[in-house]
Protein backbone atom coordinates (compact mmCIF):
# COMPACT_ATOMS: atom_id res chain seq x y z
CA UNK A 1 -78.63 -100.83 14.92
CA UNK A 2 -78.48 -98.04 12.41
CA UNK A 3 -75.24 -98.58 11.20
CA UNK A 4 -75.10 -95.48 9.13
CA UNK A 5 -75.55 -93.38 12.02
CA UNK A 6 -73.83 -95.32 15.30
CA UNK A 7 -70.16 -94.56 15.22
CA UNK A 8 -69.65 -97.37 17.36
CA UNK A 9 -70.84 -99.77 14.76
CA UNK A 10 -67.39 -100.46 13.76
CA UNK A 11 -65.79 -100.95 10.21
CA UNK A 12 -65.18 -104.55 9.64
CA UNK A 13 -61.63 -105.24 10.76
CA UNK A 14 -61.77 -108.77 8.76
CA UNK A 15 -62.54 -106.87 5.34
CA UNK A 16 -60.36 -105.07 2.82
CA UNK A 17 -62.65 -103.16 1.16
CA UNK A 18 -62.24 -102.52 -2.61
CA UNK A 19 -62.70 -98.80 -2.16
CA UNK A 20 -62.95 -96.54 0.72
CA UNK A 21 -64.86 -93.13 0.10
CA UNK A 22 -64.07 -90.15 2.40
CA UNK A 23 -66.85 -87.69 2.44
CA UNK A 24 -70.29 -88.16 1.46
CA UNK A 25 -71.41 -85.08 -0.16
CA UNK A 26 -73.15 -85.49 -3.46
CA UNK A 27 -69.76 -86.35 -4.88
CA UNK A 28 -69.02 -89.01 -2.52
CA UNK A 29 -72.32 -90.24 -2.53
CA UNK A 30 -72.39 -90.55 -6.33
CA UNK A 31 -69.26 -92.43 -6.11
CA UNK A 32 -70.27 -94.83 -3.56
CA UNK A 33 -73.56 -95.63 -5.50
CA UNK A 34 -71.54 -96.08 -8.73
CA UNK A 35 -69.05 -98.84 -7.03
CA UNK A 36 -71.63 -100.05 -4.66
CA UNK A 37 -74.12 -101.03 -7.31
CA UNK A 38 -71.15 -102.88 -9.58
CA UNK A 39 -71.05 -105.05 -6.47
CA UNK A 40 -67.78 -103.38 -4.98
CA UNK A 41 -67.26 -103.74 -1.48
CA UNK A 42 -67.49 -100.04 -0.49
CA UNK A 43 -66.29 -97.90 2.77
CA UNK A 44 -68.05 -94.28 3.25
CA UNK A 45 -66.83 -92.24 6.10
CA UNK A 46 -67.76 -88.63 6.79
CA UNK A 47 -67.52 -86.68 10.05
CA UNK A 48 -71.01 -85.13 9.67
CA UNK A 49 -74.10 -87.22 10.60
CA UNK A 50 -76.63 -85.36 8.50
CA UNK A 51 -77.00 -83.90 5.35
CA UNK A 52 -76.21 -79.82 5.45
CA UNK A 53 -79.41 -78.08 5.22
CA UNK A 54 -79.34 -75.26 3.31
CA UNK A 55 -78.27 -74.91 -0.50
CA UNK A 56 -74.69 -74.51 -1.77
CA UNK A 57 -74.82 -76.03 -5.14
CA UNK A 58 -78.01 -74.83 -7.24
CA UNK A 59 -77.66 -75.99 -11.10
CA UNK A 60 -76.71 -79.11 -12.61
CA UNK A 61 -77.07 -80.47 -16.25
CA UNK A 62 -78.09 -83.03 -18.51
CA UNK A 63 -74.61 -85.04 -18.16
CA UNK A 64 -75.19 -84.96 -14.40
CA UNK A 65 -78.82 -86.40 -14.48
CA UNK A 66 -78.21 -89.01 -16.91
CA UNK A 67 -75.32 -90.11 -14.27
CA UNK A 68 -78.16 -90.35 -11.52
CA UNK A 69 -80.60 -91.80 -13.97
CA UNK A 70 -77.63 -94.73 -14.32
CA UNK A 71 -77.63 -94.98 -10.28
CA UNK A 72 -81.45 -95.15 -10.30
CA UNK A 73 -82.44 -92.32 -8.70
CA UNK A 74 -83.18 -89.37 -11.41
CA UNK A 75 -87.22 -89.56 -11.30
CA UNK A 76 -86.97 -89.53 -7.35
CA UNK A 77 -84.43 -86.08 -8.12
CA UNK A 78 -86.62 -84.90 -10.76
CA UNK A 79 -89.44 -83.08 -8.43
CA UNK A 80 -86.94 -81.34 -6.70
CA UNK A 81 -85.41 -79.64 -9.75
CA UNK A 82 -86.54 -76.73 -12.36
CA UNK A 83 -85.30 -75.91 -15.97
CA UNK A 84 -82.98 -73.17 -15.85
CA UNK A 85 -84.32 -69.69 -16.80
CA UNK A 86 -82.23 -67.89 -19.28
CA UNK A 87 -79.39 -65.94 -17.84
CA UNK A 88 -79.25 -62.39 -19.28
CA UNK A 89 -76.42 -60.33 -18.94
CA UNK A 90 -76.74 -56.69 -18.86
CA UNK A 91 -73.68 -54.24 -19.16
CA UNK A 92 -72.36 -50.87 -17.74
CA UNK A 93 -75.68 -48.75 -18.96
CA UNK A 94 -78.06 -51.78 -18.36
CA UNK A 95 -78.17 -52.64 -21.88
CA UNK A 96 -78.65 -56.51 -22.61
CA UNK A 97 -74.83 -57.93 -23.94
CA UNK A 98 -75.38 -61.55 -23.41
CA UNK A 99 -77.77 -64.28 -23.26
CA UNK A 100 -77.43 -67.72 -22.12
CA UNK A 101 -80.00 -70.32 -22.73
CA UNK A 102 -80.27 -74.35 -23.44
CA UNK A 103 -80.45 -76.39 -26.23
CA UNK A 104 -83.91 -76.92 -27.81
CA UNK A 105 -85.60 -80.28 -27.50
CA UNK A 106 -85.38 -82.98 -28.65
CA UNK A 107 -82.83 -82.92 -25.80
CA UNK A 108 -79.85 -85.13 -26.67
CA UNK A 109 -79.03 -86.59 -23.44
CA UNK A 110 -83.01 -87.29 -22.66
CA UNK A 111 -83.17 -84.63 -19.94
CA UNK A 112 -83.48 -80.95 -19.61
CA UNK A 113 -80.08 -79.47 -20.57
CA UNK A 114 -79.76 -77.24 -17.52
CA UNK A 115 -81.30 -77.11 -14.23
CA UNK A 116 -81.48 -75.69 -11.23
CA UNK A 117 -82.52 -77.92 -7.96
CA UNK A 118 -82.74 -77.88 -4.31
CA UNK A 119 -79.33 -79.47 -2.87
CA UNK A 120 -80.86 -80.81 0.45
CA UNK A 121 -83.39 -83.39 -0.56
CA UNK A 122 -81.23 -84.40 -3.29
CA UNK A 123 -78.28 -85.43 -0.91
CA UNK A 124 -80.59 -87.31 0.94
CA UNK A 125 -81.88 -89.10 -2.14
CA UNK A 126 -78.37 -89.89 -3.12
CA UNK A 127 -77.80 -91.34 0.60
CA UNK A 128 -80.74 -93.60 0.78
CA UNK A 129 -79.88 -95.05 -2.53
CA UNK A 130 -76.44 -96.09 -0.95
CA UNK A 131 -77.96 -97.27 2.18
CA UNK A 132 -79.67 -99.79 -0.04
CA UNK A 133 -76.66 -101.14 -1.45
CA UNK A 134 -75.53 -104.27 0.82
CA UNK A 135 -72.10 -103.88 -0.51
CA UNK A 136 -71.52 -100.33 1.01
CA UNK A 137 -71.17 -99.38 4.63
CA UNK A 138 -71.28 -96.29 5.66
CA UNK A 139 -69.61 -94.64 8.77
CA UNK A 140 -71.05 -91.06 9.88
CA UNK A 141 -69.22 -89.24 12.62
CA UNK A 142 -66.25 -90.64 11.62
CA UNK A 143 -63.19 -88.41 10.99
CA UNK A 144 -59.86 -89.42 8.77
CA UNK A 145 -56.81 -89.03 10.87
CA UNK A 146 -53.83 -90.59 8.57
CA UNK A 147 -53.37 -92.53 5.58
CA UNK A 148 -50.80 -95.59 5.05
CA UNK A 149 -49.99 -96.79 1.54
CA UNK A 150 -48.47 -100.33 0.93
CA UNK A 151 -48.18 -102.24 -2.59
CA UNK A 152 -51.51 -103.73 -2.21
CA UNK A 153 -53.77 -101.61 -0.19
CA UNK A 154 -54.16 -98.18 1.53
CA UNK A 155 -54.53 -98.23 5.90
CA UNK A 156 -56.56 -95.63 7.05
CA UNK A 157 -56.58 -94.33 11.09
CA UNK A 158 -59.76 -93.22 11.94
CA UNK A 159 -61.54 -91.28 14.66
CA UNK A 160 -65.03 -91.24 16.30
CA UNK A 161 -66.32 -88.40 17.33
CA UNK A 162 -66.09 -89.70 20.96
CA UNK A 163 -62.26 -90.08 20.42
CA UNK A 164 -61.94 -93.56 19.80
CA UNK A 165 -59.80 -94.90 17.40
CA UNK A 166 -61.07 -96.88 13.96
CA UNK A 167 -59.26 -98.52 11.22
CA UNK A 168 -59.84 -99.89 8.08
CA UNK A 169 -58.01 -100.99 4.70
CA UNK A 170 -58.87 -100.61 1.50
CA UNK A 171 -57.27 -101.16 -2.44
CA UNK A 172 -58.10 -97.71 -3.19
CA UNK A 173 -59.18 -94.25 -1.49
CA UNK A 174 -61.16 -91.62 -3.16
CA UNK A 175 -61.16 -88.15 -1.47
CA UNK A 176 -64.37 -86.41 -1.96
CA UNK A 177 -63.91 -84.36 1.46
CA UNK A 178 -64.17 -80.86 0.01
CA UNK A 179 -61.88 -77.80 -0.62
CA UNK A 180 -60.15 -78.51 2.70
CA UNK A 181 -59.56 -82.23 1.96
CA UNK A 182 -57.74 -84.36 4.40
CA UNK A 183 -57.12 -86.83 1.67
CA UNK A 184 -55.56 -84.17 -0.68
CA UNK A 185 -53.09 -83.50 2.07
CA UNK A 186 -52.28 -86.39 3.05
CA UNK A 187 -51.33 -87.28 -0.04
CA UNK A 188 -49.27 -84.76 -0.22
CA UNK A 189 -51.10 -83.34 -3.75
CA UNK A 190 -50.62 -79.59 -3.96
CA UNK A 191 -53.43 -77.59 -5.51
CA UNK A 192 -52.22 -74.95 -8.63
CA UNK A 193 -53.54 -71.20 -8.78
CA UNK A 194 -54.96 -70.41 -11.87
CA UNK A 195 -55.12 -66.87 -10.91
CA UNK A 196 -58.59 -65.97 -10.07
CA UNK A 197 -59.53 -64.94 -6.42
CA UNK A 198 -62.32 -62.34 -5.37
CA UNK A 199 -64.54 -61.77 -2.76
CA UNK A 200 -68.74 -62.24 -3.17
CA UNK A 201 -71.41 -62.62 -0.51
CA UNK A 202 -73.72 -65.10 -1.26
CA UNK A 203 -77.26 -64.54 -0.39
CA UNK A 204 -80.18 -67.28 -0.71
CA UNK A 205 -83.70 -66.03 0.02
CA UNK A 206 -87.20 -67.72 0.22
CA UNK A 207 -89.55 -65.23 -1.49
CA UNK A 208 -92.98 -64.93 -0.94
CA UNK A 209 -95.60 -63.95 -3.35
CA UNK A 210 -95.24 -60.22 -2.78
CA UNK A 211 -91.57 -60.74 -3.42
CA UNK A 212 -91.67 -63.23 -6.50
CA UNK A 213 -93.80 -60.77 -8.20
CA UNK A 214 -91.33 -57.88 -7.87
CA UNK A 215 -88.31 -60.28 -9.28
CA UNK A 216 -87.11 -60.35 -12.74
CA UNK A 217 -88.81 -63.50 -14.48
CA UNK A 218 -85.09 -64.50 -16.01
CA UNK A 219 -81.70 -65.17 -14.26
CA UNK A 220 -79.14 -62.34 -14.95
CA UNK A 221 -75.62 -61.06 -14.36
CA UNK A 222 -75.61 -57.33 -13.64
CA UNK A 223 -72.13 -56.63 -15.20
CA UNK A 224 -72.07 -53.06 -13.59
CA UNK A 225 -68.69 -51.58 -12.60
CA UNK A 226 -70.33 -50.50 -9.53
CA UNK A 227 -70.94 -53.87 -8.26
CA UNK A 228 -71.22 -56.59 -10.18
CA UNK A 229 -74.25 -59.10 -9.32
CA UNK A 230 -75.53 -62.51 -10.14
CA UNK A 231 -79.29 -63.15 -9.74
CA UNK A 232 -80.23 -66.70 -10.01
CA UNK A 233 -84.07 -68.06 -10.06
CA UNK A 234 -83.98 -71.49 -8.13
CA UNK A 235 -86.54 -74.01 -7.11
CA UNK A 236 -90.23 -72.89 -6.28
CA UNK A 237 -89.48 -69.48 -4.47
CA UNK A 238 -85.69 -70.28 -3.82
CA UNK A 239 -83.60 -66.82 -5.20
CA UNK A 240 -80.21 -66.42 -4.77
CA UNK A 241 -78.01 -63.56 -5.16
CA UNK A 242 -74.23 -63.34 -5.73
CA UNK A 243 -72.92 -59.76 -4.98
CA UNK A 244 -69.14 -59.01 -5.13
CA UNK A 245 -67.69 -56.98 -2.36
CA UNK A 246 -65.31 -54.04 -3.10
CA UNK A 247 -62.38 -52.81 -1.81
CA UNK A 248 -62.30 -52.13 1.58
CA UNK A 249 -65.44 -54.04 2.46
CA UNK A 250 -65.24 -56.11 5.49
CA UNK A 251 -66.73 -59.27 4.83
CA UNK A 252 -67.63 -60.23 8.45
CA UNK A 253 -69.50 -56.68 8.32
CA UNK A 254 -71.21 -57.53 5.11
CA UNK A 255 -72.47 -60.71 5.98
CA UNK A 256 -75.01 -59.16 8.54
CA UNK A 257 -78.44 -59.48 8.07
CA UNK A 258 -79.00 -55.54 8.31
CA UNK A 259 -76.24 -55.12 5.88
CA UNK A 260 -77.47 -57.71 3.69
CA UNK A 261 -81.03 -56.33 3.34
CA UNK A 262 -79.50 -53.35 2.31
CA UNK A 263 -77.51 -54.89 -0.44
CA UNK A 264 -81.01 -56.40 -1.73
CA UNK A 265 -83.13 -53.20 -1.38
CA UNK A 266 -82.56 -52.90 -5.00
CA UNK A 267 -84.78 -55.95 -5.75
CA UNK A 268 -86.66 -56.67 -2.49
CA UNK A 269 -87.59 -55.97 1.26
CA UNK A 270 -87.33 -57.98 4.32
CA UNK A 271 -91.51 -57.64 3.76
CA UNK A 272 -90.80 -59.67 0.69
CA UNK A 273 -89.01 -63.08 2.05
CA UNK A 274 -86.81 -64.71 4.41
CA UNK A 275 -82.85 -64.76 4.55
CA UNK A 276 -82.25 -68.59 4.14
CA UNK A 277 -78.73 -68.53 3.83
CA UNK A 278 -76.00 -65.63 3.61
CA UNK A 279 -72.23 -66.27 3.62
CA UNK A 280 -68.74 -64.26 2.24
CA UNK A 281 -66.78 -66.32 0.05
CA UNK A 282 -63.67 -65.89 -2.16
CA UNK A 283 -64.38 -67.41 -5.66
CA UNK A 284 -61.24 -69.07 -6.63
CA UNK A 285 -59.56 -70.94 -9.67
CA UNK A 286 -57.82 -74.02 -8.45
CA UNK A 287 -56.77 -77.24 -9.74
CA UNK A 288 -54.59 -80.20 -8.12
CA UNK A 289 -51.02 -80.36 -9.96
CA UNK A 290 -51.71 -84.06 -9.56
CA UNK A 291 -55.10 -86.43 -9.24
CA UNK A 292 -53.52 -89.64 -7.74
CA UNK A 293 -50.80 -90.51 -5.56
CA UNK A 294 -50.36 -94.09 -5.87
CA UNK A 295 -54.13 -95.79 -4.61
CA UNK A 296 -55.31 -92.41 -3.46
CA UNK A 297 -57.31 -90.42 -5.60
CA UNK A 298 -59.14 -86.95 -5.03
CA UNK A 299 -62.48 -85.68 -6.46
CA UNK A 300 -64.79 -82.96 -6.73
CA UNK A 301 -63.75 -79.91 -4.41
CA UNK A 302 -60.85 -81.49 -3.29
CA UNK A 303 -59.36 -81.66 -6.61
CA UNK A 304 -60.71 -78.10 -8.36
CA UNK A 305 -62.36 -74.97 -7.41
CA UNK A 306 -63.86 -72.83 -9.84
CA UNK A 307 -65.96 -69.66 -9.62
CA UNK A 308 -69.71 -70.42 -10.26
CA UNK A 309 -70.87 -68.49 -13.08
CA UNK A 310 -71.55 -71.30 -15.22
CA UNK A 311 -73.07 -73.60 -12.14
CA UNK A 312 -70.56 -76.11 -13.02
CA UNK A 313 -68.98 -76.97 -9.24
CA UNK A 314 -71.11 -79.92 -8.61
CA UNK A 315 -71.12 -80.95 -11.90
CA UNK A 316 -67.62 -81.20 -12.15
CA UNK A 317 -67.48 -83.46 -9.07
CA UNK A 318 -69.88 -85.88 -10.23
CA UNK A 319 -67.95 -85.84 -14.20
CA UNK A 320 -64.99 -86.84 -11.96
CA UNK A 321 -66.44 -89.96 -9.85
CA UNK A 322 -68.30 -90.91 -13.17
CA UNK A 323 -65.05 -91.20 -14.94
CA UNK A 324 -63.29 -93.03 -12.01
CA UNK A 325 -65.57 -95.53 -10.79
CA UNK A 326 -65.92 -97.25 -14.09
CA UNK A 327 -61.93 -97.47 -14.60
CA UNK A 328 -61.70 -98.74 -10.81
CA UNK A 329 -64.14 -101.14 -11.31
CA UNK A 330 -62.25 -102.87 -14.51
CA UNK A 331 -58.73 -102.44 -12.71
CA UNK A 332 -60.30 -104.49 -9.57
CA UNK A 333 -61.81 -106.94 -12.18
CA UNK A 334 -58.67 -107.53 -13.44
CA UNK A 335 -59.64 -106.30 -16.81
CA UNK A 336 -57.30 -103.93 -17.34
CA UNK A 337 -54.04 -102.98 -15.84
CA UNK A 338 -53.49 -100.10 -13.06
CA UNK A 339 -52.09 -97.46 -16.10
CA UNK A 340 -55.91 -97.00 -16.89
CA UNK A 341 -56.46 -95.37 -13.66
CA UNK A 342 -53.44 -92.53 -14.52
CA UNK A 343 -56.30 -91.40 -17.65
CA UNK A 344 -58.53 -90.43 -14.86
CA UNK A 345 -55.90 -87.34 -14.02
CA UNK A 346 -55.42 -86.64 -17.57
CA UNK A 347 -58.90 -86.58 -18.59
CA UNK A 348 -60.28 -84.63 -15.64
CA UNK A 349 -57.46 -82.18 -15.19
CA UNK A 350 -57.72 -80.99 -18.64
CA UNK A 351 -61.71 -80.60 -18.81
CA UNK A 352 -61.49 -78.64 -15.47
CA UNK A 353 -58.57 -76.46 -17.07
CA UNK A 354 -60.32 -75.92 -20.29
CA UNK A 355 -63.68 -75.18 -18.55
CA UNK A 356 -62.09 -73.11 -15.59
CA UNK A 357 -60.14 -70.81 -18.11
CA UNK A 358 -64.02 -70.27 -19.87
CA UNK A 359 -65.51 -69.74 -16.78
CA UNK A 360 -62.52 -67.03 -15.56
CA UNK A 361 -63.31 -65.42 -18.61
CA UNK A 362 -66.87 -64.70 -17.77
CA UNK A 363 -65.86 -63.56 -14.41
CA UNK A 364 -63.18 -61.40 -15.67
CA UNK A 365 -65.83 -59.61 -17.71
CA UNK A 366 -68.64 -59.52 -15.33
CA UNK A 367 -66.22 -58.28 -12.73
CA UNK A 368 -64.85 -55.07 -14.67
CA UNK A 369 -64.77 -52.34 -12.41
CA UNK A 370 -63.46 -49.79 -14.81
CA UNK A 371 -66.65 -47.62 -16.54
CA UNK A 372 -64.47 -47.03 -19.83
CA UNK A 373 -63.23 -50.90 -19.97
CA UNK A 374 -66.68 -51.96 -18.99
CA UNK A 375 -68.78 -50.04 -21.85
CA UNK A 376 -65.90 -51.35 -24.06
CA UNK A 377 -66.77 -54.72 -23.25
CA UNK A 378 -70.45 -54.18 -23.95
CA UNK A 379 -69.68 -52.78 -27.47
CA UNK A 380 -67.40 -55.59 -28.30
CA UNK A 381 -69.78 -58.26 -27.00
CA UNK A 382 -72.63 -56.74 -28.87
CA UNK A 383 -70.69 -56.25 -32.17
CA UNK A 384 -69.38 -59.73 -32.01
CA UNK A 385 -72.77 -60.78 -32.03
CA UNK A 386 -73.68 -58.88 -34.92
CA UNK A 387 -75.52 -55.96 -33.43
CA UNK A 388 -77.93 -58.18 -31.84
CA UNK A 389 -77.52 -60.16 -28.94
CA UNK A 390 -78.28 -64.04 -29.95
CA UNK A 391 -79.22 -66.87 -27.51
CA UNK A 392 -76.36 -68.94 -26.69
CA UNK A 393 -76.78 -72.39 -25.02
CA UNK A 394 -74.61 -73.28 -22.28
CA UNK A 395 -73.93 -76.69 -23.35
CA UNK A 396 -71.94 -74.90 -26.11
CA UNK A 397 -69.35 -73.98 -23.51
CA UNK A 398 -68.73 -77.30 -21.69
CA UNK A 399 -65.68 -78.96 -23.40
CA UNK A 400 -65.35 -82.52 -24.59
CA UNK A 401 -62.27 -84.96 -23.50
CA UNK A 402 -58.96 -84.09 -25.19
CA UNK A 403 -56.61 -86.65 -24.08
CA UNK A 404 -56.75 -90.19 -22.04
CA UNK A 405 -58.32 -92.86 -22.79
CA UNK A 406 -59.62 -92.06 -26.51
CA UNK A 407 -59.01 -92.97 -30.16
CA UNK A 408 -55.36 -92.55 -31.15
CA UNK A 409 -55.80 -93.31 -34.33
CA UNK A 410 -54.97 -90.40 -36.34
CA UNK A 411 -52.50 -89.14 -39.26
CA UNK A 412 -52.23 -86.54 -41.42
CA UNK A 413 -54.73 -87.35 -43.75
CA UNK A 414 -57.24 -88.62 -40.79
CA UNK A 415 -57.02 -86.39 -37.80
CA UNK A 416 -58.79 -87.59 -34.77
CA UNK A 417 -62.72 -87.07 -35.58
CA UNK A 418 -63.87 -83.97 -33.69
CA UNK A 419 -66.97 -86.22 -32.33
CA UNK A 420 -64.07 -88.28 -30.21
CA UNK A 421 -64.35 -87.36 -26.39
CA UNK A 422 -67.88 -85.94 -27.03
CA UNK A 423 -71.04 -87.20 -25.07
CA UNK A 424 -73.04 -89.83 -26.86
CA UNK A 425 -76.44 -88.65 -27.33
CA UNK A 426 -79.40 -90.91 -25.24
CA UNK A 427 -82.42 -91.13 -27.62
CA UNK A 428 -85.79 -92.18 -26.85
CA UNK A 429 -86.55 -95.40 -28.27
CA UNK A 430 -89.99 -96.86 -28.56
CA UNK A 431 -90.83 -100.04 -26.20
CA UNK A 432 -94.31 -101.33 -26.45
CA UNK A 433 -95.16 -98.01 -28.13
CA UNK A 434 -93.93 -95.88 -25.16
CA UNK A 435 -90.53 -93.99 -25.13
CA UNK A 436 -88.34 -95.32 -23.23
CA UNK A 437 -84.81 -93.59 -22.63
CA UNK A 438 -81.62 -95.47 -24.19
CA UNK A 439 -80.08 -96.13 -20.90
CA UNK A 440 -82.70 -97.55 -19.08
CA UNK A 441 -83.68 -100.18 -21.96
CA UNK A 442 -79.93 -101.23 -22.03
CA UNK A 443 -77.35 -102.67 -20.03
CA UNK A 444 -74.26 -100.34 -19.12
CA UNK A 445 -70.58 -100.75 -20.34
CA UNK A 446 -68.86 -99.73 -23.83
CA UNK A 447 -71.59 -99.27 -26.66
CA UNK A 448 -71.29 -99.24 -30.29
CA UNK A 449 -73.67 -97.43 -32.40
CA UNK A 450 -73.84 -98.35 -35.97
CA UNK A 451 -75.85 -97.03 -38.89
CA UNK A 452 -76.54 -97.93 -42.57
CA UNK A 453 -78.13 -95.72 -44.57
CA UNK A 454 -81.15 -94.21 -42.64
CA UNK A 455 -81.33 -97.19 -40.12
CA UNK A 456 -79.38 -96.52 -37.26
CA UNK A 457 -78.53 -99.32 -34.75
CA UNK A 458 -77.05 -99.40 -31.35
CA UNK A 459 -74.94 -102.42 -29.84
CA UNK A 460 -74.64 -102.63 -26.13
CA UNK A 461 -72.00 -104.06 -23.60
CA UNK A 462 -72.56 -106.13 -20.95
CA UNK A 463 -71.21 -103.66 -17.98
CA UNK A 464 -67.94 -104.88 -19.62
CA UNK A 465 -65.75 -103.29 -22.22
CA UNK A 466 -68.17 -104.27 -24.99
CA UNK A 467 -69.06 -107.68 -25.96
CA UNK A 468 -69.10 -106.77 -29.47
CA UNK A 469 -71.20 -109.39 -31.25
CA UNK A 470 -71.39 -109.93 -35.03
CA UNK A 471 -74.97 -110.00 -35.79
CA UNK A 472 -75.35 -109.78 -39.42
CA UNK A 473 -72.82 -107.51 -40.64
CA UNK A 474 -73.35 -104.62 -38.90
CA UNK A 475 -72.60 -105.71 -35.56
CA UNK A 476 -76.17 -104.97 -34.28
CA UNK A 477 -77.32 -106.50 -31.29
CA UNK A 478 -79.77 -104.24 -30.19
CA UNK A 479 -80.99 -101.28 -32.74
CA UNK A 480 -82.42 -98.10 -32.75
CA UNK A 481 -83.76 -97.23 -36.18
CA UNK A 482 -85.49 -94.59 -38.06
CA UNK A 483 -87.80 -97.20 -40.06
CA UNK A 484 -89.52 -100.00 -38.34
CA UNK A 485 -87.35 -103.48 -38.60
CA UNK A 486 -87.98 -106.76 -37.11
CA UNK A 487 -86.23 -107.14 -33.86
CA UNK A 488 -85.12 -103.15 -33.70
CA UNK A 489 -86.34 -100.16 -31.41
CA UNK A 490 -87.70 -97.25 -33.12
CA UNK A 491 -85.90 -94.08 -32.16
CA UNK A 492 -88.79 -91.63 -31.11
CA UNK A 493 -87.06 -88.44 -32.15
CA UNK A 494 -84.19 -88.76 -34.34
CA UNK A 495 -81.97 -87.87 -32.32
CA UNK A 496 -79.32 -90.44 -32.68
CA UNK A 497 -79.92 -90.34 -36.46
CA UNK A 498 -78.98 -86.61 -36.30
CA UNK A 499 -75.86 -87.05 -34.60
CA UNK A 500 -74.61 -89.94 -36.72
CA UNK A 501 -75.44 -87.46 -39.87
CA UNK A 502 -73.87 -84.41 -38.12
CA UNK A 503 -70.49 -86.52 -37.44
CA UNK A 504 -70.20 -88.00 -40.71
CA UNK A 505 -70.11 -91.50 -39.68
CA UNK A 506 -71.72 -94.73 -39.24
CA UNK A 507 -70.32 -96.27 -36.20
CA UNK A 508 -69.40 -95.08 -32.94
CA UNK A 509 -67.62 -96.53 -29.76
CA UNK A 510 -68.61 -95.35 -26.62
CA UNK A 511 -67.20 -95.72 -23.09
CA UNK A 512 -69.21 -96.53 -19.93
CA UNK A 513 -69.24 -92.77 -19.05
CA UNK A 514 -70.89 -92.03 -22.42
CA UNK A 515 -68.23 -90.47 -23.75
CA UNK A 516 -67.20 -91.54 -27.43
CA UNK A 517 -63.82 -93.27 -27.88
CA UNK A 518 -64.36 -93.46 -31.29
CA UNK A 519 -66.12 -93.32 -34.41
CA UNK A 520 -65.93 -94.85 -38.00
CA UNK A 521 -67.06 -94.44 -41.29
CA UNK A 522 -66.33 -97.86 -42.82
CA UNK A 523 -66.48 -101.52 -41.64
CA UNK A 524 -62.33 -101.22 -42.44
CA UNK A 525 -62.06 -98.31 -39.62
CA UNK A 526 -64.51 -99.79 -37.30
CA UNK A 527 -62.29 -102.98 -37.03
CA UNK A 528 -59.02 -100.94 -36.75
CA UNK A 529 -60.64 -99.09 -33.83
CA UNK A 530 -62.04 -102.15 -32.02
CA UNK A 531 -58.16 -103.64 -32.74
CA UNK A 532 -56.93 -100.54 -31.10
CA UNK A 533 -59.09 -100.43 -28.17
CA UNK A 534 -58.16 -104.03 -27.35
CA UNK A 535 -54.39 -103.47 -27.26
CA UNK A 536 -55.14 -101.10 -24.75
CA UNK A 537 -56.35 -103.84 -22.27
CA UNK A 538 -54.48 -107.18 -21.09
CA UNK A 539 -54.60 -109.80 -23.93
CA UNK A 540 -56.58 -112.10 -21.35
CA UNK A 541 -59.65 -109.66 -21.21
CA UNK A 542 -62.86 -111.42 -22.46
CA UNK A 543 -63.97 -108.96 -24.34
CA UNK A 544 -61.54 -109.23 -26.92
CA UNK A 545 -60.07 -112.48 -26.21
């Protein structure tokens, strides 16, 4: 019996799941994979039986690929991706006013920094990974009806497609069920409007050879007052247009094939490709007022929605569950108190708000409808660039963490280091002469990287909060070095060495989600940071007993 697709195959009534995940899109699938591979008992429910066969998200970045690497699917996903082309922004009179690109190699996370991808096959790969995890039960064709919380868990009232009731119980629930989230509604969580609401038409085309020959070779933002348009080069022959609807235009009328082709006539005709998908949307900027109600959490579109101008929608959802999953694992294992779970909303809300404000700023200047104001905008951007538009990496626009589980050892003479809250790099190390990504070579968990002189080392966790072992005086267990040493791995491209040099530190304590908890320049400072981290967790935590 295929228990993933047979709603009559009921959940295990005699089991209290560690976590129930509601929603089996990319966000929910990544959550289930992260939790399931940690050995937690997970229930996944979704009212749909199959992956939606058309694209919604089209972009992701190196942080997300690193998460996919961590759940063992990055190599399977890679054939369905391509590097994201530069995004050229054109002003009111057609001149180039901004150019967004990607970081140059060597890539700091080990993956191409910006990618486009084809969502349906990637979603199926994620589902297949979850299906292979023995501790995860997936129930499709099942809808969430109600939730009830108690001191020790959450009761879920479910309904199969034939109307028959189902029920389940879990210690925690994560709502990954989209913008109209049932979990959010049942948890009584409200969304805050961040003041962006614009009607757009999204059109996906599968272009033929004749059409591809006509189309621009770089993605573009046409910041034209007459009608702002985004053009995105997807994988293979997939091309997307996001077209702003003007005052007085009826979204239902504009989302008709004949009208869509009229809007695309500037670039292609019906002879140049097939309409794959077209739909009208309102681009919103919304964020949850709280991300947790007791034992219930929300993530992805259930917790936030932002305009698509940086292609960060799905990325934000994956960041959410990557942040939450390891914290749930530690709490369920008794290695941390439930207060650790409060840092999920603290960290992710601040990050989402900051990035949404950046995206809103981009959206505001793209959507400028006043010709005089648009020309002033163009002149200002060009002047700001010194008269010549220079490439700007998209990654420079993505913030780090500003609050939550981060080092707080700061005083006026020793402010929080700028590396704290940023992503720790993933270098390639040489194993038997072959380059291997660091995360593949090492165990998960807290990592502490240390450097002495020109030799850079990495200390790895065992899936817990560190197991920092004093090997020599450098706390080095496994090493990445810039010069060969006995028992060390040679760094292939100098990424880690450059990071330590740039941040003027010799040690970094790195969280399981790859964010830097703390850095230190001396052995005493490192010991102080480790002691402070230990105090944040129960005294019987085996990592620091």
